[in-house]
Each structure stands twice: as C-alpha cells, then as structure tokens.
Amino acid sequence: MDRTDLKILDTLQRMPGISTADLADAVGLSNVPCWRRLKRLEETGAIRERAVILDPKIMGLAVSVFAEVRLRQHDEETLEAFEQSVRDLPEIVECFSMSGQQDYILRVMVRDVEQYEALLKKALLHLPAVASINSSFALKTIKLTTRIPIYPQ
C-alpha cells in the first residue's frame, strides 16, 4: 500500500458514502485509477465493508453492557460453538477473545436493564460452556468509532 491507497482508506473511513468521483478528487486521482485502486483494496480485504453509524439512543438502545465471559472448557469444538452462538445474537455487537482471566468480552446493546436481565437469563447464560458472566454497564460513551488509525508506511 502506498500513500495514495492510505489517503483513499482514510477518506473512506471519514465519508463511507462518498462517490468514486468525489473520492478521486479528494485524493488527487482521476476516476478510473481511483476506481481501480478502490476495487483492489476491496479484493485484497483491506476494505471489508462500508458502514453507516446509527445513534443508539435514537434507535432506542440506551444501555451498553460489557459482559466478561468465562468458559468451563476450552476445546476447539466448544470455542467454535460459543463463537457461532454469539454471532447469532443481534444484541451482541462486539465480541473479543481475550487473554487473561476472562475468555471473552462481549459488548451488548439493549433498551434497558430489564431487557439485559432477560437476555442474560434466557440466552447468555445458556451459551455453550459458559461458567460465569460478569456484567458492567457503561455510564457514558466518551468515544465510539469504527475508524482505525492510518499511518504512512
């Protein structure tokens, strides 16, 4: 990736809906070379998808919960079953496999504490091999972005 590719990626992170023509102008290319670079970045997986960021409060999802999950067993089949089950629950918006005392951290978005309690009792505690879940409720969102830092190479 050269500096022009990085400029394309940075611009797309800030403006995911930008047209190819406007993107070309923003990075100093003509349309066809910009389009070719964009397609190559998509094909190589550098661009996984373009996103629209919704306001959780406007969407009625006022509560963010961080759930630290510990599993009873750690064989490949169990881990894959747990991870697939997590992918199937729309309330879980992020899941990270962790080092340290907890096996996973989940970020869960719900309307209210009561909805989280119901989700915990009916779904989360029934995920494959869950031994324990420690939940923390976010009081305020300070920073929330999908942008990753882009450094010149």
C-alpha atoms as a PDB file:
ATOM      1  CA  MET A   1       0.000   0.000   0.000  1.00  0.00           C
ATOM      2  CA  ASP A   2       1.314   3.399  -0.911  1.00  0.00           C
ATOM      3  CA  ARG A   3       0.388   6.866   0.360  1.00  0.00           C
ATOM      4  CA  THR A   4      -2.435   7.209  -2.189  1.00  0.00           C
ATOM      5  CA  ASP A   5      -4.030   3.959  -1.001  1.00  0.00           C
ATOM      6  CA  LEU A   6      -3.772   5.206   2.581  1.00  0.00           C
ATOM      7  CA  LYS A   7      -5.406   8.512   1.574  1.00  0.00           C
ATOM      8  CA  ILE A   8      -8.245   6.560  -0.059  1.00  0.00           C
ATOM      9  CA  LEU A   9      -8.739   4.467   3.081  1.00  0.00           C
ATOM     10  CA  ASP A  10      -8.624   7.490   5.388  1.00  0.00           C
ATOM     11  CA  THR A  11     -11.155   9.365   3.261  1.00  0.00           C
ATOM     12  CA  LEU A  12     -13.496   6.358   3.121  1.00  0.00           C
ATOM     13  CA  GLN A  13     -13.389   5.983   6.905  1.00  0.00           C
ATOM     14  CA  ARG A  14     -14.477   9.604   7.314  1.00  0.00           C
ATOM     15  CA  MET A  15     -17.020   9.529   4.465  1.00  0.00           C
ATOM     16  CA  PRO A  16     -18.143   5.953   3.685  1.00  0.00           C
ATOM     17  CA  GLY A  17     -20.851   7.088   1.256  1.00  0.00           C
ATOM     18  CA  ILE A  18     -18.576   9.234  -0.908  1.00  0.00           C
ATOM     19  CA  SER A  19     -18.886   8.693  -4.661  1.00  0.00           C
ATOM     20  CA  THR A  20     -15.912   7.384  -6.595  1.00  0.00           C
ATOM     21  CA  ALA A  21     -15.683  10.703  -8.470  1.00  0.00           C
ATOM     22  CA  ASP A  22     -15.583  12.703  -5.238  1.00  0.00           C
ATOM     23  CA  LEU A  23     -13.113  10.236  -3.732  1.00  0.00           C
ATOM     24  CA  ALA A  24     -10.865  10.632  -6.767  1.00  0.00           C
ATOM     25  CA  ASP A  25     -10.958  14.421  -6.347  1.00  0.00           C
ATOM     26  CA  ALA A  26     -10.235  14.149  -2.627  1.00  0.00           C
ATOM     27  CA  VAL A  27      -7.112  12.026  -3.131  1.00  0.00           C
ATOM     28  CA  GLY A  28      -5.836  13.664  -6.309  1.00  0.00           C
ATOM     29  CA  LEU A  29      -6.567  10.953  -8.877  1.00  0.00           C
ATOM     30  CA  SER A  30      -8.741  10.706 -11.952  1.00  0.00           C
ATOM     31  CA  ASN A  31     -11.823   8.479 -11.786  1.00  0.00           C
ATOM     32  CA  VAL A  32     -10.536   5.289 -13.448  1.00  0.00           C
ATOM     33  CA  PRO A  33      -7.270   4.947 -11.465  1.00  0.00           C
ATOM     34  CA  CYS A  34      -9.157   5.702  -8.257  1.00  0.00           C
ATOM     35  CA  TRP A  35     -11.815   3.105  -9.107  1.00  0.00           C
ATOM     36  CA  ARG A  36      -9.096   0.509  -9.856  1.00  0.00           C
ATOM     37  CA  ARG A  37      -7.356   1.173  -6.541  1.00  0.00           C
ATOM     38  CA  LEU A  38     -10.672   1.002  -4.707  1.00  0.00           C
ATOM     39  CA  LYS A  39     -11.531  -2.361  -6.300  1.00  0.00           C
ATOM     40  CA  ARG A  40      -8.062  -3.720  -5.465  1.00  0.00           C
ATOM     41  CA  LEU A  41      -8.425  -2.595  -1.830  1.00  0.00           C
ATOM     42  CA  GLU A  42     -11.795  -4.357  -1.674  1.00  0.00           C
ATOM     43  CA  GLU A  43     -10.499  -7.538  -3.338  1.00  0.00           C
ATOM     44  CA  THR A  44      -7.492  -7.784  -1.014  1.00  0.00           C
ATOM     45  CA  GLY A  45      -9.736  -7.358   2.021  1.00  0.00           C
ATOM     46  CA  ALA A  46      -8.265  -4.036   3.165  1.00  0.00           C
ATOM     47  CA  ILE A  47     -11.835  -2.709   2.849  1.00  0.00           C
ATOM     48  CA  ARG A  48     -14.152  -5.221   4.480  1.00  0.00           C
ATOM     49  CA  GLU A  49     -17.310  -3.126   4.181  1.00  0.00           C
ATOM     50  CA  ARG A  50     -18.596   0.417   4.339  1.00  0.00           C
ATOM     51  CA  ALA A  51     -20.595   1.388   7.396  1.00  0.00           C
ATOM     52  CA  VAL A  52     -23.331   3.744   8.467  1.00  0.00           C
ATOM     53  CA  ILE A  53     -23.135   4.650  12.153  1.00  0.00           C
ATOM     54  CA  LEU A  54     -26.522   4.833  13.846  1.00  0.00           C
ATOM     55  CA  ASP A  55     -27.169   6.703  17.087  1.00  0.00           C
ATOM     56  CA  PRO A  56     -28.003   4.003  19.667  1.00  0.00           C
ATOM     57  CA  LYS A  57     -30.164   6.330  21.761  1.00  0.00           C
ATOM     58  CA  ILE A  58     -32.273   7.394  18.783  1.00  0.00           C
ATOM     59  CA  MET A  59     -32.635   3.696  17.915  1.00  0.00           C
ATOM     60  CA  GLY A  60     -33.884   3.003  21.447  1.00  0.00           C
ATOM     61  CA  LEU A  61     -30.744   1.225  22.630  1.00  0.00           C
ATOM     62  CA  ALA A  62     -29.813   3.344  25.628  1.00  0.00           C
ATOM     63  CA  VAL A  63     -27.823   0.716  27.550  1.00  0.00           C
ATOM     64  CA  SER A  64     -24.402  -0.690  26.652  1.00  0.00           C
ATOM     65  CA  VAL A  65     -23.209  -3.633  28.682  1.00  0.00           C
ATOM     66  CA  PHE A  66     -19.742  -5.152  28.731  1.00  0.00           C
ATOM     67  CA  ALA A  67     -20.001  -8.805  29.676  1.00  0.00           C
ATOM     68  CA  GLU A  68     -16.856 -10.686  30.658  1.00  0.00           C
ATOM     69  CA  VAL A  69     -17.388 -14.370  29.939  1.00  0.00           C
ATOM     70  CA  ARG A  70     -15.506 -17.291  31.387  1.00  0.00           C
ATOM     71  CA  LEU A  71     -15.952 -20.764  29.887  1.00  0.00           C
ATOM     72  CA  ARG A  72     -15.870 -24.155  31.628  1.00  0.00           C
ATOM     73  CA  GLN A  73     -13.907 -25.826  28.847  1.00  0.00           C
ATOM     74  CA  HIS A  74     -11.670 -24.662  26.031  1.00  0.00           C
ATOM     75  CA  ASP A  75     -11.594 -27.345  23.366  1.00  0.00           C
ATOM     76  CA  GLU A  76     -11.890 -26.266  19.728  1.00  0.00           C
ATOM     77  CA  GLU A  77     -15.449 -27.557  19.303  1.00  0.00           C
ATOM     78  CA  THR A  78     -16.685 -25.664  22.368  1.00  0.00           C
ATOM     79  CA  LEU A  79     -14.966 -22.425  21.358  1.00  0.00           C
ATOM     80  CA  GLU A  80     -16.381 -22.599  17.837  1.00  0.00           C
ATOM     81  CA  ALA A  81     -19.883 -23.353  19.160  1.00  0.00           C
ATOM     82  CA  PHE A  82     -19.680 -20.429  21.595  1.00  0.00           C
ATOM     83  CA  GLU A  83     -18.447 -18.039  18.901  1.00  0.00           C
ATOM     84  CA  GLN A  84     -21.157 -19.094  16.440  1.00  0.00           C
ATOM     85  CA  SER A  85     -23.846 -18.679  19.094  1.00  0.00           C
ATOM     86  CA  VAL A  86     -22.555 -15.166  19.806  1.00  0.00           C
ATOM     87  CA  ARG A  87     -22.742 -14.290  16.094  1.00  0.00           C
ATOM     88  CA  ASP A  88     -26.405 -15.336  16.098  1.00  0.00           C
ATOM     89  CA  LEU A  89     -27.475 -12.874  18.835  1.00  0.00           C
ATOM     90  CA  PRO A  90     -28.104  -9.395  17.373  1.00  0.00           C
ATOM     91  CA  GLU A  91     -27.851  -7.713  20.794  1.00  0.00           C
ATOM     92  CA  ILE A  92     -24.160  -8.693  20.913  1.00  0.00           C
ATOM     93  CA  VAL A  93     -22.498  -6.087  18.711  1.00  0.00           C
ATOM     94  CA  GLU A  94     -18.871  -6.939  19.509  1.00  0.00           C
ATOM     95  CA  CYS A  95     -17.072  -9.996  20.837  1.00  0.00           C
ATOM     96  CA  PHE A  96     -13.379 -10.345  21.565  1.00  0.00           C
ATOM     97  CA  SER A  97     -11.437 -13.454  22.538  1.00  0.00           C
ATOM     98  CA  MET A  98      -9.203 -12.330  25.405  1.00  0.00           C
ATOM     99  CA  SER A  99      -6.022 -13.245  27.204  1.00  0.00           C
ATOM    100  CA  GLY A 100      -6.096 -13.074  30.977  1.00  0.00           C
ATOM    101  CA  GLN A 101      -8.746 -14.299  33.398  1.00  0.00           C
ATOM    102  CA  GLN A 102     -11.759 -13.884  31.096  1.00  0.00           C
ATOM    103  CA  ASP A 103     -12.131 -15.828  27.875  1.00  0.00           C
ATOM    104  CA  TYR A 104     -14.309 -13.311  26.024  1.00  0.00           C
ATOM    105  CA  ILE A 105     -15.615  -9.782  26.355  1.00  0.00           C
ATOM    106  CA  LEU A 106     -18.958  -9.011  24.760  1.00  0.00           C
ATOM    107  CA  ARG A 107     -20.459  -5.603  24.097  1.00  0.00           C
ATOM    108  CA  VAL A 108     -24.219  -5.862  24.305  1.00  0.00           C
ATOM    109  CA  MET A 109     -26.695  -3.137  23.334  1.00  0.00           C
ATOM    110  CA  VAL A 110     -30.223  -3.176  24.769  1.00  0.00           C
ATOM    111  CA  ARG A 111     -33.137  -0.830  25.505  1.00  0.00           C
ATOM    112  CA  ASP A 112     -32.865  -1.032  29.277  1.00  0.00           C
ATOM    113  CA  VAL A 113     -31.566  -3.044  32.224  1.00  0.00           C
ATOM    114  CA  GLU A 114     -34.670  -5.240  32.211  1.00  0.00           C
ATOM    115  CA  GLN A 115     -34.019  -6.291  28.609  1.00  0.00           C
ATOM    116  CA  TYR A 116     -30.424  -7.145  29.511  1.00  0.00           C
ATOM    117  CA  GLU A 117     -31.568  -9.190  32.507  1.00  0.00           C
ATOM    118  CA  ALA A 118     -33.936 -11.163  30.265  1.00  0.00           C
ATOM    119  CA  LEU A 119     -31.205 -11.681  27.648  1.00  0.00           C
ATOM    120  CA  LEU A 120     -28.783 -12.795  30.352  1.00  0.00           C
ATOM    121  CA  LYS A 121     -31.233 -15.331  31.796  1.00  0.00           C
ATOM    122  CA  LYS A 122     -32.658 -16.625  28.517  1.00  0.00           C
ATOM    123  CA  ALA A 123     -29.645 -16.542  26.190  1.00  0.00           C
ATOM    124  CA  LEU A 124     -26.237 -15.503  27.513  1.00  0.00           C
ATOM    125  CA  LEU A 125     -26.081 -17.940  30.420  1.00  0.00           C
ATOM    126  CA  HIS A 126     -27.116 -20.707  28.007  1.00  0.00           C
ATOM    127  CA  LEU A 127     -24.321 -20.097  25.505  1.00  0.00           C
ATOM    128  CA  PRO A 128     -22.081 -23.184  25.124  1.00  0.00           C
ATOM    129  CA  ALA A 129     -19.879 -23.908  28.178  1.00  0.00           C
ATOM    130  CA  VAL A 130     -20.458 -20.608  29.990  1.00  0.00           C
ATOM    131  CA  ALA A 131     -19.163 -20.863  33.548  1.00  0.00           C
ATOM    132  CA  SER A 132     -19.681 -17.225  34.572  1.00  0.00           C
ATOM    133  CA  ILE A 133     -20.557 -13.787  33.253  1.00  0.00           C
ATOM    134  CA  ASN A 134     -19.537 -10.533  34.930  1.00  0.00           C
ATOM    135  CA  SER A 135     -21.541  -7.579  33.565  1.00  0.00           C
ATOM    136  CA  SER A 136     -20.593  -3.904  33.681  1.00  0.00           C
ATOM    137  CA  PHE A 137     -22.898  -1.137  32.483  1.00  0.00           C
ATOM    138  CA  ALA A 138     -21.484   1.837  30.582  1.00  0.00           C
ATOM    139  CA  LEU A 139     -22.446   5.123  32.233  1.00  0.00           C
ATOM    140  CA  LYS A 140     -21.479   7.356  29.313  1.00  0.00           C
ATOM    141  CA  THR A 141     -19.945   6.937  25.876  1.00  0.00           C
ATOM    142  CA  ILE A 142     -16.812   9.051  25.589  1.00  0.00           C
ATOM    143  CA  LYS A 143     -15.578   7.776  22.224  1.00  0.00           C
ATOM    144  CA  LEU A 144     -17.157   5.387  19.763  1.00  0.00           C
ATOM    145  CA  THR A 145     -15.706   4.995  16.284  1.00  0.00           C
ATOM    146  CA  THR A 146     -15.149   2.432  13.586  1.00  0.00           C
ATOM    147  CA  ARG A 147     -12.121   4.346  12.281  1.00  0.00           C
ATOM    148  CA  ILE A 148      -8.732   2.762  12.748  1.00  0.00           C
ATOM    149  CA  PRO A 149      -5.514   4.800  12.778  1.00  0.00           C
ATOM    150  CA  ILE A 150      -3.761   5.023   9.416  1.00  0.00           C
ATOM    151  CA  TYR A 151      -0.031   5.608   9.455  1.00  0.00           C
ATOM    152  CA  PRO A 152       2.210   6.301   6.456  1.00  0.00           C
ATOM    153  CA  GLN A 153       4.335   3.294   5.594  1.00  0.00           C
END
